[in-house]
PDB file of N, CA and C in Angstrom:
ATOM      1  N   MET A   1     -19.373  -1.979 -17.723  1.00  0.00           N
ATOM      2  CA  MET A   1     -17.946  -1.950 -17.458  1.00  0.00           C
ATOM      3  C   MET A   1     -17.712  -2.524 -16.059  1.00  0.00           C
ATOM      4  N   THR A   2     -16.736  -3.399 -15.943  1.00  0.00           N
ATOM      5  CA  THR A   2     -16.432  -3.991 -14.643  1.00  0.00           C
ATOM      6  C   THR A   2     -15.634  -3.016 -13.779  1.00  0.00           C
ATOM      7  N   ARG A   3     -15.591  -3.301 -12.515  1.00  0.00           N
ATOM      8  CA  ARG A   3     -14.808  -2.494 -11.567  1.00  0.00           C
ATOM      9  C   ARG A   3     -13.333  -2.494 -11.975  1.00  0.00           C
ATOM     10  N   PHE A   4     -12.829  -3.661 -12.374  1.00  0.00           N
ATOM     11  CA  PHE A   4     -11.440  -3.806 -12.804  1.00  0.00           C
ATOM     12  C   PHE A   4     -11.157  -2.904 -14.011  1.00  0.00           C
ATOM     13  N   GLU A   5     -12.040  -2.935 -15.000  1.00  0.00           N
ATOM     14  CA  GLU A   5     -11.869  -2.109 -16.202  1.00  0.00           C
ATOM     15  C   GLU A   5     -11.936  -0.619 -15.856  1.00  0.00           C
ATOM     16  N   LYS A   6     -12.855  -0.264 -14.999  1.00  0.00           N
ATOM     17  CA  LYS A   6     -13.011   1.130 -14.584  1.00  0.00           C
ATOM     18  C   LYS A   6     -11.736   1.629 -13.892  1.00  0.00           C
ATOM     19  N   LEU A   7     -11.184   0.798 -13.027  1.00  0.00           N
ATOM     20  CA  LEU A   7      -9.960   1.151 -12.313  1.00  0.00           C
ATOM     21  C   LEU A   7      -8.801   1.321 -13.290  1.00  0.00           C
ATOM     22  N   ARG A   8      -8.641   0.388 -14.212  1.00  0.00           N
ATOM     23  CA  ARG A   8      -7.558   0.452 -15.200  1.00  0.00           C
ATOM     24  C   ARG A   8      -7.693   1.703 -16.073  1.00  0.00           C
ATOM     25  N   ILE A   9      -8.899   2.016 -16.495  1.00  0.00           N
ATOM     26  CA  ILE A   9      -9.129   3.201 -17.334  1.00  0.00           C
ATOM     27  C   ILE A   9      -8.767   4.477 -16.586  1.00  0.00           C
ATOM     28  N   ARG A  10      -9.190   4.577 -15.344  1.00  0.00           N
ATOM     29  CA  ARG A  10      -8.874   5.792 -14.562  1.00  0.00           C
ATOM     30  C   ARG A  10      -7.368   5.965 -14.397  1.00  0.00           C
ATOM     31  N   LEU A  11      -6.677   4.877 -14.094  1.00  0.00           N
ATOM     32  CA  LEU A  11      -5.226   4.949 -13.929  1.00  0.00           C
ATOM     33  C   LEU A  11      -4.555   5.372 -15.236  1.00  0.00           C
ATOM     34  N   THR A  12      -4.972   4.764 -16.310  1.00  0.00           N
ATOM     35  CA  THR A  12      -4.360   5.030 -17.615  1.00  0.00           C
ATOM     36  C   THR A  12      -4.644   6.447 -18.102  1.00  0.00           C
ATOM     37  N   GLU A  13      -5.885   6.873 -18.010  1.00  0.00           N
ATOM     38  CA  GLU A  13      -6.258   8.202 -18.502  1.00  0.00           C
ATOM     39  C   GLU A  13      -5.668   9.336 -17.667  1.00  0.00           C
ATOM     40  N   ASN A  14      -5.537   9.118 -16.367  1.00  0.00           N
ATOM     41  CA  ASN A  14      -5.056  10.182 -15.490  1.00  0.00           C
ATOM     42  C   ASN A  14      -3.540  10.224 -15.325  1.00  0.00           C
ATOM     43  N   LEU A  15      -2.881   9.070 -15.400  1.00  0.00           N
ATOM     44  CA  LEU A  15      -1.439   9.031 -15.138  1.00  0.00           C
ATOM     45  C   LEU A  15      -0.587   8.750 -16.378  1.00  0.00           C
ATOM     46  N   HIS A  16      -1.171   8.236 -17.440  1.00  0.00           N
ATOM     47  CA  HIS A  16      -0.442   7.904 -18.666  1.00  0.00           C
ATOM     48  C   HIS A  16       0.823   7.090 -18.369  1.00  0.00           C
ATOM     49  N   PRO A  17       0.664   5.944 -17.709  1.00  0.00           N
ATOM     50  CA  PRO A  17       1.832   5.167 -17.300  1.00  0.00           C
ATOM     51  C   PRO A  17       2.551   4.485 -18.468  1.00  0.00           C
ATOM     52  N   VAL A  18       3.817   4.221 -18.259  1.00  0.00           N
ATOM     53  CA  VAL A  18       4.618   3.419 -19.180  1.00  0.00           C
ATOM     54  C   VAL A  18       4.214   1.952 -19.015  1.00  0.00           C
ATOM     55  N   LEU A  19       3.890   1.578 -17.781  1.00  0.00           N
ATOM     56  CA  LEU A  19       3.449   0.226 -17.450  1.00  0.00           C
ATOM     57  C   LEU A  19       2.370   0.319 -16.382  1.00  0.00           C
ATOM     58  N   CYS A  20       1.323  -0.476 -16.548  1.00  0.00           N
ATOM     59  CA  CYS A  20       0.256  -0.549 -15.554  1.00  0.00           C
ATOM     60  C   CYS A  20      -0.166  -2.013 -15.438  1.00  0.00           C
ATOM     61  N   GLU A  21       0.350  -2.683 -14.431  1.00  0.00           N
ATOM     62  CA  GLU A  21      -0.006  -4.078 -14.180  1.00  0.00           C
ATOM     63  C   GLU A  21      -0.948  -4.115 -12.986  1.00  0.00           C
ATOM     64  N   LEU A  22      -2.188  -4.413 -13.264  1.00  0.00           N
ATOM     65  CA  LEU A  22      -3.219  -4.444 -12.240  1.00  0.00           C
ATOM     66  C   LEU A  22      -3.679  -5.885 -12.060  1.00  0.00           C
ATOM     67  N   GLN A  23      -3.777  -6.310 -10.826  1.00  0.00           N
ATOM     68  CA  GLN A  23      -4.181  -7.685 -10.527  1.00  0.00           C
ATOM     69  C   GLN A  23      -5.310  -7.667  -9.505  1.00  0.00           C
ATOM     70  N   ASP A  24      -6.344  -8.447  -9.769  1.00  0.00           N
ATOM     71  CA  ASP A  24      -7.459  -8.577  -8.840  1.00  0.00           C
ATOM     72  C   ASP A  24      -7.143  -9.715  -7.875  1.00  0.00           C
ATOM     73  N   ASP A  25      -6.950  -9.390  -6.615  1.00  0.00           N
ATOM     74  CA  ASP A  25      -6.610 -10.368  -5.581  1.00  0.00           C
ATOM     75  C   ASP A  25      -7.809 -10.710  -4.703  1.00  0.00           C
ATOM     76  N   SER A  26      -8.991 -10.319  -5.107  1.00  0.00           N
ATOM     77  CA  SER A  26     -10.185 -10.488  -4.276  1.00  0.00           C
ATOM     78  C   SER A  26     -10.436 -11.936  -3.895  1.00  0.00           C
ATOM     79  N   HIS A  27     -10.148 -12.855  -4.800  1.00  0.00           N
ATOM     80  CA  HIS A  27     -10.398 -14.276  -4.527  1.00  0.00           C
ATOM     81  C   HIS A  27      -9.614 -14.773  -3.312  1.00  0.00           C
ATOM     82  N   ALA A  28      -8.481 -14.165  -3.043  1.00  0.00           N
ATOM     83  CA  ALA A  28      -7.644 -14.575  -1.914  1.00  0.00           C
ATOM     84  C   ALA A  28      -8.157 -14.016  -0.586  1.00  0.00           C
ATOM     85  N   HIS A  29      -9.179 -13.188  -0.647  1.00  0.00           N
ATOM     86  CA  HIS A  29      -9.696 -12.545   0.566  1.00  0.00           C
ATOM     87  C   HIS A  29     -11.157 -12.895   0.818  1.00  0.00           C
ATOM     88  N   ALA A  30     -11.601 -13.990   0.261  1.00  0.00           N
ATOM     89  CA  ALA A  30     -12.986 -14.427   0.470  1.00  0.00           C
ATOM     90  C   ALA A  30     -13.253 -14.583   1.967  1.00  0.00           C
ATOM     91  N   GLY A  31     -14.370 -14.064   2.415  1.00  0.00           N
ATOM     92  CA  GLY A  31     -14.718 -14.144   3.833  1.00  0.00           C
ATOM     93  C   GLY A  31     -14.182 -12.990   4.653  1.00  0.00           C
ATOM     94  N   HIS A  32     -13.274 -12.216   4.101  1.00  0.00           N
ATOM     95  CA  HIS A  32     -12.704 -11.050   4.784  1.00  0.00           C
ATOM     96  C   HIS A  32     -13.779  -9.971   4.887  1.00  0.00           C
ATOM     97  N   ALA A  33     -13.755  -9.202   5.946  1.00  0.00           N
ATOM     98  CA  ALA A  33     -14.776  -8.174   6.173  1.00  0.00           C
ATOM     99  C   ALA A  33     -14.904  -7.213   4.998  1.00  0.00           C
ATOM    100  N   GLY A  34     -13.780  -6.808   4.415  1.00  0.00           N
ATOM    101  CA  GLY A  34     -13.816  -5.894   3.276  1.00  0.00           C
ATOM    102  C   GLY A  34     -14.453  -6.526   2.070  1.00  0.00           C
ATOM    103  N   ALA A  35     -14.212  -7.813   1.881  1.00  0.00           N
ATOM    104  CA  ALA A  35     -14.812  -8.516   0.750  1.00  0.00           C
ATOM    105  C   ALA A  35     -16.316  -8.651   0.968  1.00  0.00           C
ATOM    106  N   ALA A  36     -16.721  -8.870   2.195  1.00  0.00           N
ATOM    107  CA  ALA A  36     -18.141  -9.029   2.509  1.00  0.00           C
ATOM    108  C   ALA A  36     -18.921  -7.742   2.237  1.00  0.00           C
ATOM    109  N   SER A  37     -18.262  -6.601   2.394  1.00  0.00           N
ATOM    110  CA  SER A  37     -18.945  -5.333   2.159  1.00  0.00           C
ATOM    111  C   SER A  37     -18.961  -4.955   0.683  1.00  0.00           C
ATOM    112  N   GLY A  38     -18.378  -5.783  -0.171  1.00  0.00           N
ATOM    113  CA  GLY A  38     -18.402  -5.537  -1.606  1.00  0.00           C
ATOM    114  C   GLY A  38     -17.140  -4.909  -2.163  1.00  0.00           C
ATOM    115  N   GLY A  39     -16.211  -4.535  -1.301  1.00  0.00           N
ATOM    116  CA  GLY A  39     -14.960  -3.950  -1.764  1.00  0.00           C
ATOM    117  C   GLY A  39     -14.016  -5.001  -2.297  1.00  0.00           C
ATOM    118  N   SER A  40     -13.248  -4.641  -3.294  1.00  0.00           N
ATOM    119  CA  SER A  40     -12.309  -5.567  -3.902  1.00  0.00           C
ATOM    120  C   SER A  40     -10.888  -5.278  -3.448  1.00  0.00           C
ATOM    121  N   HIS A  41     -10.024  -6.291  -3.607  1.00  0.00           N
ATOM    122  CA  HIS A  41      -8.606  -6.198  -3.268  1.00  0.00           C
ATOM    123  C   HIS A  41      -7.796  -6.247  -4.560  1.00  0.00           C
ATOM    124  N   TYR A  42      -6.887  -5.292  -4.730  1.00  0.00           N
ATOM    125  CA  TYR A  42      -6.070  -5.229  -5.936  1.00  0.00           C
ATOM    126  C   TYR A  42      -4.603  -5.018  -5.590  1.00  0.00           C
ATOM    127  N   SER A  43      -3.750  -5.453  -6.522  1.00  0.00           N
ATOM    128  CA  SER A  43      -2.327  -5.154  -6.489  1.00  0.00           C
ATOM    129  C   SER A  43      -2.014  -4.377  -7.751  1.00  0.00           C
ATOM    130  N   LEU A  44      -1.189  -3.346  -7.623  1.00  0.00           N
ATOM    131  CA  LEU A  44      -0.860  -2.497  -8.754  1.00  0.00           C
ATOM    132  C   LEU A  44       0.639  -2.265  -8.824  1.00  0.00           C
ATOM    133  N   LYS A  45       1.202  -2.517  -9.998  1.00  0.00           N
ATOM    134  CA  LYS A  45       2.571  -2.085 -10.295  1.00  0.00           C
ATOM    135  C   LYS A  45       2.429  -1.077 -11.410  1.00  0.00           C
ATOM    136  N   ILE A  46       2.881   0.153 -11.142  1.00  0.00           N
ATOM    137  CA  ILE A  46       2.722   1.221 -12.115  1.00  0.00           C
ATOM    138  C   ILE A  46       4.031   1.988 -12.251  1.00  0.00           C
ATOM    139  N   ILE A  47       4.410   2.213 -13.501  1.00  0.00           N
ATOM    140  CA  ILE A  47       5.619   2.977 -13.809  1.00  0.00           C
ATOM    141  C   ILE A  47       5.168   4.199 -14.589  1.00  0.00           C
ATOM    142  N   CYS A  48       5.530   5.357 -14.062  1.00  0.00           N
ATOM    143  CA  CYS A  48       4.981   6.583 -14.615  1.00  0.00           C
ATOM    144  C   CYS A  48       6.012   7.719 -14.555  1.00  0.00           C
ATOM    145  N   PRO A  49       6.194   8.448 -15.650  1.00  0.00           N
ATOM    146  CA  PRO A  49       7.134   9.571 -15.639  1.00  0.00           C
ATOM    147  C   PRO A  49       6.804  10.618 -14.568  1.00  0.00           C
ATOM    148  N   GLN A  50       5.534  10.767 -14.223  1.00  0.00           N
ATOM    149  CA  GLN A  50       5.139  11.751 -13.208  1.00  0.00           C
ATOM    150  C   GLN A  50       5.731  11.436 -11.833  1.00  0.00           C
ATOM    151  N   PHE A  51       6.201  10.215 -11.632  1.00  0.00           N
ATOM    152  CA  PHE A  51       6.733   9.817 -10.332  1.00  0.00           C
ATOM    153  C   PHE A  51       8.197  10.231 -10.139  1.00  0.00           C
ATOM    154  N   GLU A  52       8.859  10.694 -11.209  1.00  0.00           N
ATOM    155  CA  GLU A  52      10.268  11.104 -11.098  1.00  0.00           C
ATOM    156  C   GLU A  52      10.423  12.171 -10.017  1.00  0.00           C
ATOM    157  N   GLY A  53      11.348  11.943  -9.121  1.00  0.00           N
ATOM    158  CA  GLY A  53      11.656  12.914  -8.076  1.00  0.00           C
ATOM    159  C   GLY A  53      10.690  12.946  -6.906  1.00  0.00           C
ATOM    160  N   LEU A  54       9.657  12.103  -6.937  1.00  0.00           N
ATOM    161  CA  LEU A  54       8.685  12.087  -5.844  1.00  0.00           C
ATOM    162  C   LEU A  54       8.968  10.940  -4.878  1.00  0.00           C
ATOM    163  N   ASN A  55       8.637  11.158  -3.617  1.00  0.00           N
ATOM    164  CA  ASN A  55       8.766  10.079  -2.643  1.00  0.00           C
ATOM    165  C   ASN A  55       7.567   9.137  -2.752  1.00  0.00           C
ATOM    166  N   ARG A  56       7.616   8.053  -2.018  1.00  0.00           N
ATOM    167  CA  ARG A  56       6.579   7.022  -2.103  1.00  0.00           C
ATOM    168  C   ARG A  56       5.191   7.578  -1.747  1.00  0.00           C
ATOM    169  N   ILE A  57       5.117   8.388  -0.722  1.00  0.00           N
ATOM    170  CA  ILE A  57       3.822   8.940  -0.299  1.00  0.00           C
ATOM    171  C   ILE A  57       3.226   9.825  -1.386  1.00  0.00           C
ATOM    172  N   SER A  58       4.027  10.656  -1.997  1.00  0.00           N
ATOM    173  CA  SER A  58       3.538  11.532  -3.070  1.00  0.00           C
ATOM    174  C   SER A  58       3.082  10.721  -4.279  1.00  0.00           C
ATOM    175  N   ARG A  59       3.780   9.650  -4.579  1.00  0.00           N
ATOM    176  CA  ARG A  59       3.386   8.777  -5.691  1.00  0.00           C
ATOM    177  C   ARG A  59       2.036   8.115  -5.406  1.00  0.00           C
ATOM    178  N   HIS A  60       1.877   7.630  -4.182  1.00  0.00           N
ATOM    179  CA  HIS A  60       0.618   6.995  -3.803  1.00  0.00           C
ATOM    180  C   HIS A  60      -0.536   8.000  -3.855  1.00  0.00           C
ATOM    181  N   ARG A  61      -0.275   9.235  -3.459  1.00  0.00           N
ATOM    182  CA  ARG A  61      -1.311  10.270  -3.531  1.00  0.00           C
ATOM    183  C   ARG A  61      -1.769  10.487  -4.968  1.00  0.00           C
ATOM    184  N   LEU A  62      -0.828  10.479  -5.905  1.00  0.00           N
ATOM    185  CA  LEU A  62      -1.192  10.628  -7.317  1.00  0.00           C
ATOM    186  C   LEU A  62      -2.076   9.472  -7.776  1.00  0.00           C
ATOM    187  N   VAL A  63      -1.744   8.268  -7.323  1.00  0.00           N
ATOM    188  CA  VAL A  63      -2.564   7.100  -7.680  1.00  0.00           C
ATOM    189  C   VAL A  63      -3.965   7.262  -7.089  1.00  0.00           C
ATOM    190  N   TYR A  64      -4.048   7.609  -5.814  1.00  0.00           N
ATOM    191  CA  TYR A  64      -5.358   7.779  -5.170  1.00  0.00           C
ATOM    192  C   TYR A  64      -6.167   8.896  -5.831  1.00  0.00           C
ATOM    193  N   ASP A  65      -5.495   9.977  -6.206  1.00  0.00           N
ATOM    194  CA  ASP A  65      -6.190  11.060  -6.908  1.00  0.00           C
ATOM    195  C   ASP A  65      -6.732  10.568  -8.252  1.00  0.00           C
ATOM    196  N   ALA A  66      -5.982   9.713  -8.924  1.00  0.00           N
ATOM    197  CA  ALA A  66      -6.391   9.197 -10.233  1.00  0.00           C
ATOM    198  C   ALA A  66      -7.630   8.308 -10.140  1.00  0.00           C
ATOM    199  N   ILE A  67      -7.737   7.548  -9.055  1.00  0.00           N
ATOM    200  CA  ILE A  67      -8.876   6.628  -8.953  1.00  0.00           C
ATOM    201  C   ILE A  67     -10.076   7.261  -8.259  1.00  0.00           C
ATOM    202  N   GLY A  68      -9.862   8.419  -7.680  1.00  0.00           N
ATOM    203  CA  GLY A  68     -10.967   9.181  -7.109  1.00  0.00           C
ATOM    204  C   GLY A  68     -11.760   8.439  -6.052  1.00  0.00           C
ATOM    205  N   ASP A  69     -13.077   8.509  -6.155  1.00  0.00           N
ATOM    206  CA  ASP A  69     -13.968   7.959  -5.146  1.00  0.00           C
ATOM    207  C   ASP A  69     -13.997   6.435  -5.110  1.00  0.00           C
ATOM    208  N   MET A  70     -13.390   5.780  -6.063  1.00  0.00           N
ATOM    209  CA  MET A  70     -13.395   4.307  -6.058  1.00  0.00           C
ATOM    210  C   MET A  70     -12.766   3.747  -4.786  1.00  0.00           C
ATOM    211  N   MET A  71     -11.774   4.445  -4.256  1.00  0.00           N
ATOM    212  CA  MET A  71     -11.083   3.953  -3.057  1.00  0.00           C
ATOM    213  C   MET A  71     -12.014   3.933  -1.854  1.00  0.00           C
ATOM    214  N   HIS A  72     -13.017   4.764  -1.846  1.00  0.00           N
ATOM    215  CA  HIS A  72     -13.927   4.831  -0.706  1.00  0.00           C
ATOM    216  C   HIS A  72     -15.191   4.007  -0.896  1.00  0.00           C
ATOM    217  N   THR A  73     -15.415   3.536  -2.122  1.00  0.00           N
ATOM    218  CA  THR A  73     -16.667   2.846  -2.386  1.00  0.00           C
ATOM    219  C   THR A  73     -16.495   1.448  -2.968  1.00  0.00           C
ATOM    220  N   GLU A  74     -15.574   1.272  -3.918  1.00  0.00           N
ATOM    221  CA  GLU A  74     -15.471   0.018  -4.643  1.00  0.00           C
ATOM    222  C   GLU A  74     -14.209  -0.784  -4.354  1.00  0.00           C
ATOM    223  N   ILE A  75     -13.230  -0.149  -3.750  1.00  0.00           N
ATOM    224  CA  ILE A  75     -11.953  -0.816  -3.467  1.00  0.00           C
ATOM    225  C   ILE A  75     -11.752  -0.873  -1.964  1.00  0.00           C
ATOM    226  N   HIS A  76     -11.517  -2.073  -1.459  1.00  0.00           N
ATOM    227  CA  HIS A  76     -11.233  -2.221  -0.039  1.00  0.00           C
ATOM    228  C   HIS A  76      -9.739  -2.087   0.234  1.00  0.00           C
ATOM    229  N   ALA A  77      -8.912  -2.658  -0.659  1.00  0.00           N
ATOM    230  CA  ALA A  77      -7.468  -2.616  -0.461  1.00  0.00           C
ATOM    231  C   ALA A  77      -6.766  -2.497  -1.808  1.00  0.00           C
ATOM    232  N   LEU A  78      -5.690  -1.690  -1.822  1.00  0.00           N
ATOM    233  CA  LEU A  78      -4.893  -1.513  -3.021  1.00  0.00           C
ATOM    234  C   LEU A  78      -3.423  -1.500  -2.619  1.00  0.00           C
ATOM    235  N   ALA A  79      -2.711  -2.550  -2.997  1.00  0.00           N
ATOM    236  CA  ALA A  79      -1.266  -2.619  -2.749  1.00  0.00           C
ATOM    237  C   ALA A  79      -0.573  -1.973  -3.949  1.00  0.00           C
ATOM    238  N   ILE A  80       0.203  -0.928  -3.699  1.00  0.00           N
ATOM    239  CA  ILE A  80       0.784  -0.138  -4.786  1.00  0.00           C
ATOM    240  C   ILE A  80       2.302  -0.253  -4.803  1.00  0.00           C
ATOM    241  N   SER A  81       2.830  -0.549  -5.977  1.00  0.00           N
ATOM    242  CA  SER A  81       4.258  -0.433  -6.259  1.00  0.00           C
ATOM    243  C   SER A  81       4.368   0.609  -7.363  1.00  0.00           C
ATOM    244  N   ALA A  82       4.831   1.802  -7.009  1.00  0.00           N
ATOM    245  CA  ALA A  82       4.882   2.925  -7.945  1.00  0.00           C
ATOM    246  C   ALA A  82       6.331   3.325  -8.191  1.00  0.00           C
ATOM    247  N   LEU A  83       6.752   3.203  -9.447  1.00  0.00           N
ATOM    248  CA  LEU A  83       8.131   3.493  -9.814  1.00  0.00           C
ATOM    249  C   LEU A  83       8.202   4.555 -10.898  1.00  0.00           C
ATOM    250  N   ALA A  84       9.316   5.249 -10.941  1.00  0.00           N
ATOM    251  CA  ALA A  84       9.621   6.160 -12.045  1.00  0.00           C
ATOM    252  C   ALA A  84      10.387   5.374 -13.108  1.00  0.00           C
ATOM    253  N   PRO A  85      10.322   5.764 -14.360  1.00  0.00           N
ATOM    254  CA  PRO A  85      11.050   5.049 -15.404  1.00  0.00           C
ATOM    255  C   PRO A  85      12.548   4.901 -15.120  1.00  0.00           C
ATOM    256  N   SER A  86      13.149   5.888 -14.472  1.00  0.00           N
ATOM    257  CA  SER A  86      14.584   5.812 -14.168  1.00  0.00           C
ATOM    258  C   SER A  86      14.909   4.709 -13.146  1.00  0.00           C
ATOM    259  N   GLU A  87      13.916   4.188 -12.480  1.00  0.00           N
ATOM    260  CA  GLU A  87      14.124   3.146 -11.464  1.00  0.00           C
ATOM    261  C   GLU A  87      13.970   1.732 -12.007  1.00  0.00           C
ATOM    262  N   ILE A  88      13.673   1.621 -13.297  1.00  0.00           N
ATOM    263  CA  ILE A  88      13.497   0.296 -13.905  1.00  0.00           C
ATOM    264  C   ILE A  88      14.886  -0.288 -14.166  1.00  0.00           C
ATOM    265  N   PRO A  89      15.139  -1.487 -13.632  1.00  0.00           N
ATOM    266  CA  PRO A  89      16.438  -2.120 -13.905  1.00  0.00           C
ATOM    267  C   PRO A  89      16.567  -2.461 -15.391  1.00  0.00           C
ATOM    268  N   THR A  90      17.758  -2.258 -15.921  1.00  0.00           N
ATOM    269  CA  THR A  90      17.984  -2.562 -17.334  1.00  0.00           C
ATOM    270  C   THR A  90      18.706  -3.868 -17.525  1.00  0.00           C
TER     271      THR A  90
END
């Protein structure tokens, strides 16, 4: 299983999002210190009912809790856009 697949599975199984758009941006950071140490760079847009009524920091904490130790070992950077379903423009 790739790091990307592992990350997507953890997010999906732990948060049950309505939408989970994960993008690997590592190629744009070639030569960066974090890339040299083996950590990857990702962008995440996630829409999840659990985010209703929570501020941005609390939403990010839920994401970090979902991915567990990956943030300290396999991921160098994670740009997060976390929305509640009520915040989706119609």
